C-alpha cells in the first residue's frame, strides 16, 4: 500500500499535461491579441485610403 501511495505522489504526468495546456492557452491569447491589434491597424489604413479616394 505504501508503494502505491508513494508512486501516486511521485507521478507528475498530470502536472505535465496541465503545464502544456497552460502554455497552449498562453500562446492562444498572444495570437488573439496580436491578430486583434493587426486587424485594427489594417482597418485604420483602409479607412485612410478610402477617405483619400473619396475626397
PDB file of N, CA and C in Angstrom:
ATOM      1  N   UNK A   1       0.831  -1.190   0.000  1.00  0.00           N
ATOM      2  CA  UNK A   1       0.000   0.000   0.000  1.00  0.00           C
ATOM      3  C   UNK A   1       0.880   1.259   0.000  1.00  0.00           C
ATOM      4  N   UNK A   2       1.968   1.196   0.763  1.00  0.00           N
ATOM      5  CA  UNK A   2       2.857   2.346   0.845  1.00  0.00           C
ATOM      6  C   UNK A   2       3.496   2.634  -0.507  1.00  0.00           C
ATOM      7  N   UNK A   3       3.846   1.577  -1.267  1.00  0.00           N
ATOM      8  CA  UNK A   3       4.423   1.767  -2.590  1.00  0.00           C
ATOM      9  C   UNK A   3       3.424   2.443  -3.524  1.00  0.00           C
ATOM     10  N   UNK A   4       2.164   2.059  -3.410  1.00  0.00           N
ATOM     11  CA  UNK A   4       1.119   2.652  -4.250  1.00  0.00           C
ATOM     12  C   UNK A   4       0.965   4.144  -3.960  1.00  0.00           C
ATOM     13  N   UNK A   5       0.954   4.518  -2.697  1.00  0.00           N
ATOM     14  CA  UNK A   5       0.832   5.920  -2.312  1.00  0.00           C
ATOM     15  C   UNK A   5       2.060   6.707  -2.757  1.00  0.00           C
ATOM     16  N   UNK A   6       3.229   6.137  -2.571  1.00  0.00           N
ATOM     17  CA  UNK A   6       4.469   6.806  -2.981  1.00  0.00           C
ATOM     18  C   UNK A   6       4.505   7.005  -4.487  1.00  0.00           C
ATOM     19  N   UNK A   7       4.100   5.978  -5.235  1.00  0.00           N
ATOM     20  CA  UNK A   7       4.081   6.093  -6.696  1.00  0.00           C
ATOM     21  C   UNK A   7       3.065   7.151  -7.138  1.00  0.00           C
ATOM     22  N   UNK A   8       1.909   7.210  -6.464  1.00  0.00           N
ATOM     23  CA  UNK A   8       0.887   8.201  -6.798  1.00  0.00           C
ATOM     24  C   UNK A   8       1.389   9.620  -6.525  1.00  0.00           C
ATOM     25  N   UNK A   9       2.076   9.820  -5.434  1.00  0.00           N
ATOM     26  CA  UNK A   9       2.595  11.146  -5.073  1.00  0.00           C
ATOM     27  C   UNK A   9       3.692  11.576  -6.039  1.00  0.00           C
ATOM     28  N   UNK A  10       4.537  10.653  -6.473  1.00  0.00           N
ATOM     29  CA  UNK A  10       5.648  10.981  -7.367  1.00  0.00           C
ATOM     30  C   UNK A  10       5.248  11.073  -8.834  1.00  0.00           C
ATOM     31  N   UNK A  11       4.030  10.668  -9.170  1.00  0.00           N
ATOM     32  CA  UNK A  11       3.578  10.703 -10.559  1.00  0.00           C
ATOM     33  C   UNK A  11       3.317  12.147 -10.967  1.00  0.00           C
ATOM     34  N   UNK A  12       4.030  12.618 -11.990  1.00  0.00           N
ATOM     35  CA  UNK A  12       3.902  14.007 -12.448  1.00  0.00           C
ATOM     36  C   UNK A  12       3.318  14.108 -13.850  1.00  0.00           C
ATOM     37  N   UNK A  13       2.765  13.045 -14.366  1.00  0.00           N
ATOM     38  CA  UNK A  13       2.243  13.074 -15.734  1.00  0.00           C
ATOM     39  C   UNK A  13       1.048  14.026 -15.851  1.00  0.00           C
ATOM     40  N   UNK A  14       0.209  14.093 -14.855  1.00  0.00           N
ATOM     41  CA  UNK A  14      -0.913  15.030 -14.885  1.00  0.00           C
ATOM     42  C   UNK A  14      -0.442  16.467 -14.826  1.00  0.00           C
ATOM     43  N   UNK A  15       0.585  16.726 -14.046  1.00  0.00           N
ATOM     44  CA  UNK A  15       1.135  18.082 -13.942  1.00  0.00           C
ATOM     45  C   UNK A  15       1.727  18.511 -15.274  1.00  0.00           C
ATOM     46  N   UNK A  16       2.364  17.592 -15.976  1.00  0.00           N
ATOM     47  CA  UNK A  16       2.939  17.912 -17.279  1.00  0.00           C
ATOM     48  C   UNK A  16       1.844  18.267 -18.270  1.00  0.00           C
ATOM     49  N   UNK A  17       0.754  17.523 -18.253  1.00  0.00           N
ATOM     50  CA  UNK A  17      -0.361  17.809 -19.158  1.00  0.00           C
ATOM     51  C   UNK A  17      -0.956  19.184 -18.858  1.00  0.00           C
ATOM     52  N   UNK A  18      -1.076  19.519 -17.604  1.00  0.00           N
ATOM     53  CA  UNK A  18      -1.611  20.829 -17.225  1.00  0.00           C
ATOM     54  C   UNK A  18      -0.665  21.935 -17.668  1.00  0.00           C
ATOM     55  N   UNK A  19       0.630  21.717 -17.524  1.00  0.00           N
ATOM     56  CA  UNK A  19       1.602  22.727 -17.959  1.00  0.00           C
ATOM     57  C   UNK A  19       1.513  22.951 -19.466  1.00  0.00           C
ATOM     58  N   UNK A  20       1.393  21.864 -20.232  1.00  0.00           N
ATOM     59  CA  UNK A  20       1.253  22.008 -21.677  1.00  0.00           C
ATOM     60  C   UNK A  20      -0.037  22.739 -22.034  1.00  0.00           C
ATOM     61  N   UNK A  21      -1.087  22.470 -21.303  1.00  0.00           N
ATOM     62  CA  UNK A  21      -2.352  23.160 -21.531  1.00  0.00           C
ATOM     63  C   UNK A  21      -2.237  24.649 -21.250  1.00  0.00           C
ATOM     64  N   UNK A  22      -1.545  25.003 -20.185  1.00  0.00           N
ATOM     65  CA  UNK A  22      -1.358  26.417 -19.856  1.00  0.00           C
ATOM     66  C   UNK A  22      -0.497  27.128 -20.897  1.00  0.00           C
ATOM     67  N   UNK A  23       0.538  26.445 -21.387  1.00  0.00           N
ATOM     68  CA  UNK A  23       1.383  27.036 -22.425  1.00  0.00           C
ATOM     69  C   UNK A  23       0.565  27.257 -23.697  1.00  0.00           C
ATOM     70  N   UNK A  24      -0.256  26.272 -24.073  1.00  0.00           N
ATOM     71  CA  UNK A  24      -1.096  26.405 -25.261  1.00  0.00           C
ATOM     72  C   UNK A  24      -2.085  27.557 -25.102  1.00  0.00           C
ATOM     73  N   UNK A  25      -2.656  27.710 -23.926  1.00  0.00           N
ATOM     74  CA  UNK A  25      -3.596  28.803 -23.680  1.00  0.00           C
ATOM     75  C   UNK A  25      -2.894  30.161 -23.761  1.00  0.00           C
ATOM     76  N   UNK A  26      -1.682  30.240 -23.238  1.00  0.00           N
ATOM     77  CA  UNK A  26      -0.918  31.488 -23.296  1.00  0.00           C
ATOM     78  C   UNK A  26      -0.582  31.849 -24.736  1.00  0.00           C
ATOM     79  N   UNK A  27      -0.195  30.866 -25.525  1.00  0.00           N
ATOM     80  CA  UNK A  27       0.102  31.116 -26.935  1.00  0.00           C
ATOM     81  C   UNK A  27      -1.152  31.561 -27.665  1.00  0.00           C
ATOM     82  N   UNK A  28      -2.292  30.943 -27.360  1.00  0.00           N
ATOM     83  CA  UNK A  28      -3.550  31.332 -27.995  1.00  0.00           C
ATOM     84  C   UNK A  28      -3.923  32.775 -27.661  1.00  0.00           C
ATOM     85  N   UNK A  29      -3.742  33.164 -26.425  1.00  0.00           N
ATOM     86  CA  UNK A  29      -4.041  34.541 -26.017  1.00  0.00           C
ATOM     87  C   UNK A  29      -3.126  35.523 -26.748  1.00  0.00           C
ATOM     88  N   UNK A  30      -1.857  35.172 -26.885  1.00  0.00           N
ATOM     89  CA  UNK A  30      -0.917  36.044 -27.593  1.00  0.00           C
ATOM     90  C   UNK A  30      -1.299  36.180 -29.065  1.00  0.00           C
ATOM     91  N   UNK A  31      -1.692  35.077 -29.694  1.00  0.00           N
ATOM     92  CA  UNK A  31      -2.094  35.128 -31.102  1.00  0.00           C
ATOM     93  C   UNK A  31      -3.358  35.955 -31.271  1.00  0.00           C
ATOM     94  N   UNK A  32      -4.316  35.791 -30.393  1.00  0.00           N
ATOM     95  CA  UNK A  32      -5.569  36.545 -30.485  1.00  0.00           C
ATOM     96  C   UNK A  32      -5.319  38.031 -30.299  1.00  0.00           C
ATOM     97  N   UNK A  33      -4.497  38.401 -29.332  1.00  0.00           N
ATOM     98  CA  UNK A  33      -4.236  39.827 -29.100  1.00  0.00           C
ATOM     99  C   UNK A  33      -3.456  40.430 -30.264  1.00  0.00           C
ATOM    100  N   UNK A  34      -2.519  39.676 -30.839  1.00  0.00           N
ATOM    101  CA  UNK A  34      -1.759  40.178 -31.985  1.00  0.00           C
ATOM    102  C   UNK A  34      -2.667  40.334 -33.198  1.00  0.00           C
ATOM    103  N   UNK A  35      -3.543  39.382 -33.423  1.00  0.00           N
ATOM    104  CA  UNK A  35      -4.459  39.459 -34.560  1.00  0.00           C
ATOM    105  C   UNK A  35      -5.433  40.629 -34.404  1.00  0.00           C
ATOM    106  N   UNK A  36      -5.893  40.865 -33.199  1.00  0.00           N
ATOM    107  CA  UNK A  36      -6.799  41.985 -32.951  1.00  0.00           C
ATOM    108  C   UNK A  36      -6.092  43.311 -33.210  1.00  0.00           C
ATOM    109  N   UNK A  37      -4.887  43.445 -32.713  1.00  0.00           N
ATOM    110  CA  UNK A  37      -4.114  44.672 -32.922  1.00  0.00           C
ATOM    111  C   UNK A  37      -3.818  44.877 -34.401  1.00  0.00           C
ATOM    112  N   UNK A  38      -3.417  43.828 -35.082  1.00  0.00           N
ATOM    113  CA  UNK A  38      -3.118  43.914 -36.504  1.00  0.00           C
ATOM    114  C   UNK A  38      -4.381  44.255 -37.290  1.00  0.00           C
ATOM    115  N   UNK A  39      -5.495  43.655 -36.914  1.00  0.00           N
ATOM    116  CA  UNK A  39      -6.768  43.948 -37.580  1.00  0.00           C
ATOM    117  C   UNK A  39      -7.171  45.406 -37.421  1.00  0.00           C
ATOM    118  N   UNK A  40      -6.969  45.957 -36.236  1.00  0.00           N
ATOM    119  CA  UNK A  40      -7.291  47.371 -36.005  1.00  0.00           C
ATOM    120  C   UNK A  40      -6.404  48.271 -36.863  1.00  0.00           C
ATOM    121  N   UNK A  41      -5.121  47.947 -36.954  1.00  0.00           N
ATOM    122  CA  UNK A  41      -4.205  48.756 -37.762  1.00  0.00           C
ATOM    123  C   UNK A  41      -4.563  48.691 -39.241  1.00  0.00           C
ATOM    124  N   UNK A  42      -4.897  47.514 -39.726  1.00  0.00           N
ATOM    125  CA  UNK A  42      -5.284  47.376 -41.134  1.00  0.00           C
ATOM    126  C   UNK A  42      -6.580  48.123 -41.405  1.00  0.00           C
ATOM    127  N   UNK A  43      -7.512  48.048 -40.493  1.00  0.00           N
ATOM    128  CA  UNK A  43      -8.779  48.769 -40.648  1.00  0.00           C
ATOM    129  C   UNK A  43      -8.544  50.270 -40.733  1.00  0.00           C
ATOM    130  N   UNK A  44      -7.660  50.794 -39.892  1.00  0.00           N
ATOM    131  CA  UNK A  44      -7.336  52.223 -39.937  1.00  0.00           C
ATOM    132  C   UNK A  44      -6.718  52.602 -41.277  1.00  0.00           C
ATOM    133  N   UNK A  45      -5.843  51.755 -41.806  1.00  0.00           N
ATOM    134  CA  UNK A  45      -5.208  52.045 -43.094  1.00  0.00           C
ATOM    135  C   UNK A  45      -6.244  52.053 -44.211  1.00  0.00           C
ATOM    136  N   UNK A  46      -7.166  51.095 -44.224  1.00  0.00           N
ATOM    137  CA  UNK A  46      -8.207  51.063 -45.248  1.00  0.00           C
ATOM    138  C   UNK A  46      -9.105  52.294 -45.163  1.00  0.00           C
ATOM    139  N   UNK A  47      -9.420  52.729 -43.940  1.00  0.00           N
ATOM    140  CA  UNK A  47     -10.236  53.933 -43.788  1.00  0.00           C
ATOM    141  C   UNK A  47      -9.493  55.162 -44.313  1.00  0.00           C
ATOM    142  N   UNK A  48      -8.196  55.237 -44.068  1.00  0.00           N
ATOM    143  CA  UNK A  48      -7.393  56.347 -44.580  1.00  0.00           C
ATOM    144  C   UNK A  48      -7.387  56.350 -46.101  1.00  0.00           C
ATOM    145  N   UNK A  49      -7.196  55.190 -46.698  1.00  0.00           N
ATOM    146  CA  UNK A  49      -7.177  55.085 -48.167  1.00  0.00           C
ATOM    147  C   UNK A  49      -8.561  55.417 -48.722  1.00  0.00           C
ATOM    148  N   UNK A  50      -9.613  54.919 -48.097  1.00  0.00           N
ATOM    149  CA  UNK A  50     -10.966  55.177 -48.589  1.00  0.00           C
ATOM    150  C   UNK A  50     -11.324  56.650 -48.511  1.00  0.00           C
ATOM    151  N   UNK A  51     -10.905  57.304 -47.447  1.00  0.00           N
ATOM    152  CA  UNK A  51     -11.190  58.741 -47.335  1.00  0.00           C
ATOM    153  C   UNK A  51     -10.364  59.539 -48.338  1.00  0.00           C
ATOM    154  N   UNK A  52      -9.159  59.105 -48.633  1.00  0.00           N
ATOM    155  CA  UNK A  52      -8.322  59.787 -49.628  1.00  0.00           C
ATOM    156  C   UNK A  52      -8.919  59.619 -51.031  1.00  0.00           C
ATOM    157  N   UNK A  53      -9.435  58.464 -51.316  1.00  0.00           N
ATOM    158  CA  UNK A  53     -10.063  58.228 -52.621  1.00  0.00           C
ATOM    159  C   UNK A  53     -11.366  58.996 -52.731  1.00  0.00           C
ATOM    160  N   UNK A  54     -12.115  59.052 -51.652  1.00  0.00           N
ATOM    161  CA  UNK A  54     -13.403  59.737 -51.668  1.00  0.00           C
ATOM    162  C   UNK A  54     -13.272  61.244 -51.738  1.00  0.00           C
ATOM    163  N   UNK A  55     -12.167  61.781 -51.330  1.00  0.00           N
ATOM    164  CA  UNK A  55     -12.000  63.240 -51.299  1.00  0.00           C
ATOM    165  C   UNK A  55     -11.536  63.718 -52.599  1.00  0.00           C
TER     166      UNK A  55
END
